[in-house]
Amino acid sequence: MKRLMRRPGVRQELAETFEVEVQSVTETEALMVESVLFLADLEDAHARPGWTIIATDVWGMPWGYRDPSRSHGTWATHDACGTVQKITMARPECRVCPPQPGSRTHRAKFGQPQYLYLVQYENLLKFGHGDANRVRAHLRAGCEVISLLRGPFERVVKAEVAVRQAHRDQLVDPRLWTMPVTFGAGSEVVTVEADIRLSDYLSGPDVKDVAASFA
């Protein structure tokens, strides 16, 4: 705060804001202005087309440490339907209106068919879930499809989590291996010694033969 007060022109601006003499400006008044500007910047960062921000909270302001984990967050009204909900820095999606075209949220994909896959790249196995484009990307990166099960999105996601939990002790350190870029952070990668049977986690036939059409 003292550094703010030493900036050229700041005392003059504060004096005009509070209609006092320059020498009468206090650090408390400077803190008030800084807090207002901080909140304004925060609201601008959350501004999204079709949404009207109605409230923003930053825990600890203006006197304490700003702790986002204890904040009530930013709330806005969806202009199209009037729904009020908490929004984040990500693109907001109304919880009442139908998902927007191209939405990647779980709600938008609910009930859609997805693949639970197991692919091999040299001495590594990568499991995960996704659509045909995701499997195709692995194939183009030089992977071979070992197993490919299809099911509703919500069941496939649940199965992927179960696979990861069952084999968490076998997950490799991605820093020690050369992986295709499609493996991402390498958080679902094991060596070929791991015995992974996707059918233990998701019922349904193995449709890996359809992967040929993805190439």
Protein backbone atom coordinates (compact mmCIF):
# COMPACT_ATOMS: atom_id res chain seq x y z
CA MET A 1 0.00 0.00 0.00
CA LYS A 2 2.86 2.38 0.78
CA ARG A 3 4.31 1.69 -2.66
CA LEU A 4 0.95 2.62 -4.19
CA MET A 5 0.97 5.88 -2.29
CA ARG A 6 4.44 6.69 -3.66
CA ARG A 7 3.40 6.39 -7.29
CA PRO A 8 3.35 9.71 -9.16
CA GLY A 9 -0.08 11.25 -9.33
CA VAL A 10 -1.76 8.68 -7.07
CA ARG A 11 -2.14 11.01 -4.09
CA GLN A 12 -3.62 13.67 -6.37
CA GLU A 13 -6.14 11.21 -7.83
CA LEU A 14 -7.11 9.99 -4.36
CA ALA A 15 -7.51 13.55 -3.14
CA GLU A 16 -9.88 14.31 -6.01
CA THR A 17 -11.81 11.08 -5.41
CA PHE A 18 -12.41 11.78 -1.71
CA GLU A 19 -12.53 15.58 -2.13
CA VAL A 20 -9.80 16.22 0.42
CA GLU A 21 -6.44 17.95 0.42
CA VAL A 22 -3.52 15.99 -1.01
CA GLN A 23 -1.71 15.91 2.32
CA SER A 24 -4.83 14.55 4.02
CA VAL A 25 -5.06 11.35 1.95
CA THR A 26 -4.75 8.24 4.14
CA GLU A 27 -3.60 4.70 3.47
CA THR A 28 -7.12 3.55 4.35
CA GLU A 29 -8.54 5.59 1.48
CA ALA A 30 -5.88 4.21 -0.85
CA LEU A 31 -6.81 0.67 0.24
CA MET A 32 -10.47 1.34 -0.48
CA VAL A 33 -9.69 2.51 -4.02
CA GLU A 34 -7.33 -0.39 -4.68
CA SER A 35 -10.02 -2.84 -3.55
CA VAL A 36 -12.63 -1.29 -5.82
CA LEU A 37 -10.26 -1.45 -8.79
CA PHE A 38 -9.34 -5.05 -8.01
CA LEU A 39 -12.99 -6.10 -7.91
CA ALA A 40 -13.66 -4.24 -11.17
CA ASP A 41 -10.81 -6.10 -12.86
CA LEU A 42 -12.13 -9.39 -11.48
CA GLU A 43 -15.59 -8.72 -12.87
CA ASP A 44 -14.11 -7.80 -16.25
CA ALA A 45 -12.18 -11.09 -16.28
CA HIS A 46 -15.42 -13.03 -15.67
CA ALA A 47 -17.49 -11.06 -18.18
CA ARG A 48 -19.00 -13.30 -20.88
CA PRO A 49 -21.45 -12.53 -23.72
CA GLY A 50 -25.01 -13.37 -22.70
CA TRP A 51 -24.31 -13.17 -18.96
CA THR A 52 -24.78 -10.31 -16.50
CA ILE A 53 -22.62 -10.36 -13.38
CA ILE A 54 -24.60 -9.54 -10.25
CA ALA A 55 -22.17 -10.27 -7.40
CA THR A 56 -18.48 -10.93 -6.80
CA ASP A 57 -16.83 -11.90 -3.53
CA VAL A 58 -13.13 -12.05 -2.64
CA TRP A 59 -12.54 -13.49 0.82
CA GLY A 60 -10.35 -11.30 3.01
CA MET A 61 -10.83 -7.99 1.23
CA PRO A 62 -10.21 -5.27 1.93
CA TRP A 63 -8.18 -5.96 5.06
CA GLY A 64 -6.94 -9.52 4.87
CA TYR A 65 -5.21 -11.98 2.57
CA ARG A 66 -7.10 -12.83 -0.63
CA ASP A 67 -7.95 -16.51 -0.46
CA PRO A 68 -9.89 -17.77 -3.52
CA SER A 69 -10.66 -21.09 -1.82
CA ARG A 70 -12.77 -19.28 0.78
CA SER A 71 -14.51 -16.95 -1.63
CA HIS A 72 -18.20 -17.20 -2.51
CA GLY A 73 -17.08 -16.58 -6.09
CA THR A 74 -18.73 -14.69 -8.92
CA TRP A 75 -22.43 -15.03 -9.70
CA ALA A 76 -24.21 -14.01 -12.88
CA THR A 77 -27.59 -14.11 -14.58
CA HIS A 78 -28.02 -15.95 -17.85
CA ASP A 79 -29.72 -13.30 -19.97
CA ALA A 80 -31.60 -15.83 -22.12
CA CYS A 81 -33.54 -17.47 -19.28
CA GLY A 82 -32.84 -15.51 -16.09
CA THR A 83 -31.04 -18.36 -14.30
CA VAL A 84 -28.63 -17.21 -11.60
CA GLN A 85 -25.57 -19.38 -11.06
CA LYS A 86 -21.93 -19.27 -10.05
CA ILE A 87 -19.49 -18.89 -12.93
CA THR A 88 -15.75 -19.34 -13.23
CA MET A 89 -13.08 -18.11 -15.63
CA ALA A 90 -14.05 -20.93 -17.98
CA ARG A 91 -16.82 -20.50 -20.54
CA PRO A 92 -20.07 -20.65 -18.52
CA GLU A 93 -22.84 -23.03 -19.48
CA CYS A 94 -26.35 -22.51 -18.18
CA ARG A 95 -27.47 -25.43 -16.04
CA VAL A 96 -31.07 -24.97 -17.22
CA CYS A 97 -30.79 -24.28 -20.94
CA PRO A 98 -29.80 -27.05 -23.39
CA PRO A 99 -26.03 -27.44 -23.88
CA GLN A 100 -24.59 -25.20 -26.58
CA PRO A 101 -23.39 -26.74 -29.86
CA GLY A 102 -19.88 -28.09 -29.48
CA SER A 103 -20.06 -28.18 -25.68
CA ARG A 104 -17.47 -30.49 -24.10
CA THR A 105 -19.11 -30.71 -20.67
CA HIS A 106 -20.20 -34.03 -19.18
CA ARG A 107 -23.80 -32.84 -19.21
CA ALA A 108 -23.66 -32.26 -22.96
CA LYS A 109 -22.17 -35.70 -23.58
CA PHE A 110 -24.49 -37.58 -21.22
CA GLY A 111 -25.93 -40.63 -22.98
CA GLN A 112 -23.72 -40.24 -26.05
CA PRO A 113 -21.65 -43.26 -27.12
CA GLN A 114 -17.97 -43.13 -26.21
CA TYR A 115 -15.04 -45.50 -26.42
CA LEU A 116 -13.00 -46.93 -23.59
CA TYR A 117 -9.72 -47.77 -25.28
CA LEU A 118 -6.41 -49.47 -24.62
CA VAL A 119 -3.64 -48.71 -27.11
CA GLN A 120 0.00 -49.75 -27.28
CA TYR A 121 3.00 -47.65 -28.26
CA GLU A 122 6.24 -49.63 -28.22
CA ASN A 123 6.54 -50.90 -24.60
CA LEU A 124 3.77 -48.69 -23.23
CA LEU A 125 0.02 -49.07 -22.85
CA LYS A 126 -2.32 -46.09 -22.71
CA PHE A 127 -5.92 -46.40 -21.52
CA GLY A 128 -8.53 -43.68 -21.68
CA HIS A 129 -11.85 -42.61 -23.14
CA GLY A 130 -12.95 -40.52 -26.09
CA ASP A 131 -14.70 -40.47 -29.42
CA ALA A 132 -13.50 -41.81 -32.76
CA ASN A 133 -11.34 -38.73 -33.29
CA ARG A 134 -9.48 -39.46 -30.08
CA VAL A 135 -8.77 -43.05 -31.10
CA ARG A 136 -7.81 -41.90 -34.60
CA ALA A 137 -5.24 -39.49 -33.15
CA HIS A 138 -3.55 -42.34 -31.28
CA LEU A 139 -3.46 -44.44 -34.46
CA ARG A 140 -1.86 -41.61 -36.42
CA ALA A 141 0.74 -41.27 -33.67
CA GLY A 142 1.83 -44.85 -34.29
CA CYS A 143 -0.24 -46.69 -31.67
CA GLU A 144 -1.97 -50.04 -32.04
CA VAL A 145 -5.46 -50.62 -30.66
CA ILE A 146 -5.41 -53.49 -28.15
CA SER A 147 -8.98 -53.20 -26.90
CA LEU A 148 -11.89 -50.90 -27.72
CA LEU A 149 -15.20 -50.97 -25.87
CA ARG A 150 -18.16 -48.74 -26.61
CA GLY A 151 -20.77 -47.53 -24.13
CA PRO A 152 -22.71 -44.50 -22.81
CA PHE A 153 -20.46 -41.59 -21.92
CA GLU A 154 -21.19 -41.67 -18.18
CA ARG A 155 -20.44 -45.41 -17.91
CA VAL A 156 -17.25 -45.12 -19.95
CA VAL A 157 -15.95 -42.27 -17.79
CA LYS A 158 -16.71 -44.24 -14.63
CA ALA A 159 -14.92 -47.28 -16.06
CA GLU A 160 -11.82 -45.23 -16.91
CA VAL A 161 -11.62 -44.00 -13.33
CA ALA A 162 -11.91 -47.57 -12.09
CA VAL A 163 -9.09 -48.73 -14.39
CA ARG A 164 -6.82 -45.98 -13.13
CA GLN A 165 -7.54 -46.77 -9.49
CA ALA A 166 -6.93 -50.49 -10.03
CA HIS A 167 -3.57 -49.91 -11.72
CA ARG A 168 -2.39 -46.78 -9.92
CA ASP A 169 0.66 -48.59 -8.56
CA GLN A 170 1.74 -49.48 -12.11
CA LEU A 171 1.47 -46.02 -13.66
CA VAL A 172 4.79 -44.97 -15.14
CA ASP A 173 6.68 -41.75 -14.54
CA PRO A 174 6.13 -39.88 -17.85
CA ARG A 175 9.43 -38.05 -17.39
CA LEU A 176 11.30 -41.31 -17.91
CA TRP A 177 9.63 -42.34 -21.17
CA THR A 178 9.30 -41.02 -24.69
CA MET A 179 5.60 -40.86 -25.50
CA PRO A 180 3.46 -39.71 -28.42
CA VAL A 181 2.02 -36.25 -27.98
CA THR A 182 -1.45 -37.84 -27.92
CA PHE A 183 -0.63 -39.37 -24.53
CA GLY A 184 -0.85 -35.90 -23.02
CA ALA A 185 0.54 -35.73 -19.49
CA GLY A 186 0.93 -39.51 -19.46
CA SER A 187 -1.22 -39.99 -16.38
CA GLU A 188 -2.94 -43.14 -17.73
CA VAL A 189 0.11 -44.98 -19.00
CA VAL A 190 1.57 -48.31 -17.86
CA THR A 191 4.10 -50.74 -19.32
CA VAL A 192 3.10 -53.73 -21.42
CA GLU A 193 3.66 -55.98 -18.38
CA ALA A 194 0.45 -54.64 -16.83
CA ASP A 195 -2.54 -56.96 -17.17
CA ILE A 196 -5.38 -54.64 -18.13
CA ARG A 197 -8.67 -56.13 -19.28
CA LEU A 198 -11.13 -53.38 -20.08
CA SER A 199 -13.98 -55.86 -19.98
CA ASP A 200 -13.48 -56.10 -16.21
CA TYR A 201 -14.67 -52.49 -15.94
CA LEU A 202 -17.16 -52.04 -18.79
CA SER A 203 -19.61 -54.61 -20.11
CA GLY A 204 -20.14 -55.00 -23.82
CA PRO A 205 -18.37 -56.44 -26.86
CA ASP A 206 -14.89 -55.42 -27.93
CA VAL A 207 -15.25 -53.44 -31.16
CA LYS A 208 -11.57 -52.89 -31.92
CA ASP A 209 -12.16 -54.04 -35.50
CA VAL A 210 -13.97 -50.75 -36.19
CA ALA A 211 -10.72 -48.92 -35.46
CA ALA A 212 -9.62 -49.78 -39.00
CA SER A 213 -12.26 -47.34 -40.24
CA PHE A 214 -10.76 -44.56 -38.09
CA ALA A 215 -7.45 -44.50 -39.96
